[in-house]
Protein backbone atom coordinates (compact mmCIF):
# COMPACT_ATOMS: atom_id res chain seq x y z
CA MET A 1 -38.22 -10.00 37.84
CA VAL A 2 -35.54 -9.99 34.79
CA GLU A 3 -32.58 -7.90 35.45
CA ALA A 4 -30.74 -6.36 32.37
CA GLY A 5 -27.67 -8.31 33.08
CA ASP A 6 -29.76 -11.49 32.96
CA ALA A 7 -30.72 -11.15 29.30
CA GLY A 8 -28.87 -13.19 26.69
CA PRO A 9 -26.35 -11.78 24.18
CA MET A 10 -27.56 -9.06 21.94
CA PRO A 11 -28.55 -9.80 18.40
CA GLY A 12 -25.46 -10.16 16.08
CA GLN A 13 -23.03 -9.94 18.96
CA ARG A 14 -21.97 -13.67 18.48
CA LYS A 15 -21.29 -13.15 14.99
CA ARG A 16 -19.48 -9.97 15.54
CA ARG A 17 -17.21 -11.58 18.03
CA ARG A 18 -16.42 -14.51 15.79
CA GLN A 19 -15.51 -11.90 12.92
CA GLN A 20 -13.42 -10.19 15.42
CA GLN A 21 -11.67 -13.30 16.32
CA ASN A 22 -11.16 -14.31 12.74
CA GLU A 23 -9.52 -11.11 11.93
CA VAL A 24 -7.18 -11.24 14.91
CA GLN A 25 -6.10 -14.81 13.59
CA ARG A 26 -5.49 -13.62 10.21
CA SER A 27 -3.56 -10.72 11.34
CA ALA A 28 -1.46 -12.57 13.44
CA ALA A 29 -0.54 -15.08 10.67
CA ARG A 30 0.24 -12.39 8.28
CA PHE A 31 2.66 -10.54 10.77
CA ALA A 32 4.10 -13.67 12.16
CA PRO A 33 7.96 -13.79 12.70
CA GLU A 34 8.47 -16.28 10.22
CA ALA A 35 6.38 -14.47 7.46
CA GLY A 36 8.69 -11.34 7.38
CA ARG A 37 10.29 -8.66 9.47
CA TRP A 38 9.48 -5.03 10.69
CA GLU A 39 11.59 -2.39 9.10
CA VAL A 40 11.80 0.98 10.72
CA LEU A 41 10.96 3.72 8.20
CA PHE A 42 11.31 6.68 10.51
CA GLU A 43 12.21 7.43 14.01
CA THR A 44 12.37 10.64 16.01
CA GLN A 45 11.72 12.22 19.43
CA ASP A 46 10.31 15.35 17.96
CA GLU A 47 6.35 14.66 18.13
CA ALA A 48 5.81 17.83 15.57
CA GLU A 49 8.41 16.40 13.19
CA TRP A 50 6.58 12.89 13.58
CA HIS A 51 3.18 14.12 12.61
CA ALA A 52 4.77 16.19 9.69
CA HIS A 53 6.32 13.07 8.38
CA ILE A 54 3.16 10.97 8.84
CA ARG A 55 1.17 13.55 6.80
CA ARG A 56 3.95 13.86 4.05
CA LEU A 57 3.99 10.11 3.59
CA ARG A 58 0.17 9.92 3.42
CA ALA A 59 0.15 12.61 0.84
CA SER A 60 2.86 11.50 -1.26
CA ASP A 61 3.57 7.78 -0.96
CA THR A 62 0.76 5.82 -2.34
CA GLN A 63 2.82 2.55 -2.47
CA ILE A 64 2.80 2.06 1.23
CA ASP A 65 0.14 -0.65 2.49
CA TRP A 66 -1.10 1.17 5.57
CA THR A 67 -2.48 -2.00 6.98
CA ALA A 68 0.93 -3.34 7.33
CA VAL A 69 2.22 -0.26 9.04
CA ARG A 70 3.01 -0.27 12.93
CA VAL A 71 3.11 3.07 14.84
CA GLY A 72 5.07 2.96 17.80
CA ARG A 73 5.46 5.42 20.76
CA LEU A 74 8.13 4.19 23.05
CA CYS A 75 7.24 6.00 26.16
CA GLY A 76 10.33 7.74 27.99
CA ARG A 77 11.03 8.34 31.62
CA GLN A 78 13.09 10.72 33.41
CA THR A 79 16.23 9.42 31.99
CA GLN A 80 14.99 8.64 28.30
CA PRO A 81 12.80 10.90 25.91
CA THR A 82 9.69 9.48 24.35
CA THR A 83 10.65 7.97 20.74
CA PHE A 84 8.09 7.86 18.00
CA ARG A 85 8.66 4.98 15.24
CA LEU A 86 7.05 4.21 12.03
CA SER A 87 7.66 0.62 11.07
CA LEU A 88 6.62 -1.31 7.78
CA PHE A 89 6.15 -5.15 7.64
CA VAL A 90 8.43 -6.50 4.75
CA PRO A 91 7.29 -9.96 3.85
CA ASN A 92 9.94 -12.80 3.23
CA ALA A 93 10.73 -13.29 -0.47
CA LEU A 94 8.42 -16.16 -1.96
CA PRO A 95 10.52 -18.70 -3.86
CA HIS A 96 9.84 -18.33 -7.51
CA PRO A 97 7.83 -21.63 -8.96
CA GLY A 98 10.52 -24.35 -10.10
CA GLN A 99 13.32 -22.68 -7.75
CA ASN A 100 14.80 -25.33 -5.49
CA PHE A 101 16.56 -24.41 -2.27
CA SER A 102 17.60 -27.59 -1.12
CA THR A 103 21.15 -27.84 -2.31
């Protein structure tokens, strides 16, 4: 008798897993420390203010690349309150063609 757990992978599962791994690798390369830095756009300890700020940004600022945004929730304890942080990845400036940095 064949149990449900004995069957092979579901159809398409291997391809899906490979695509997810490729996406993780692309993301890691895109946001690597040598590729740029994270700049804090907004930080607060008031959750209502946090949500309002995010809504305003999404409605008004069309220049933000939301795939390069990091939302942080630094969980507080008894001595530290919870802090909400919005950071944007800023890539390092690429050298202009013909520009030589080896002086």
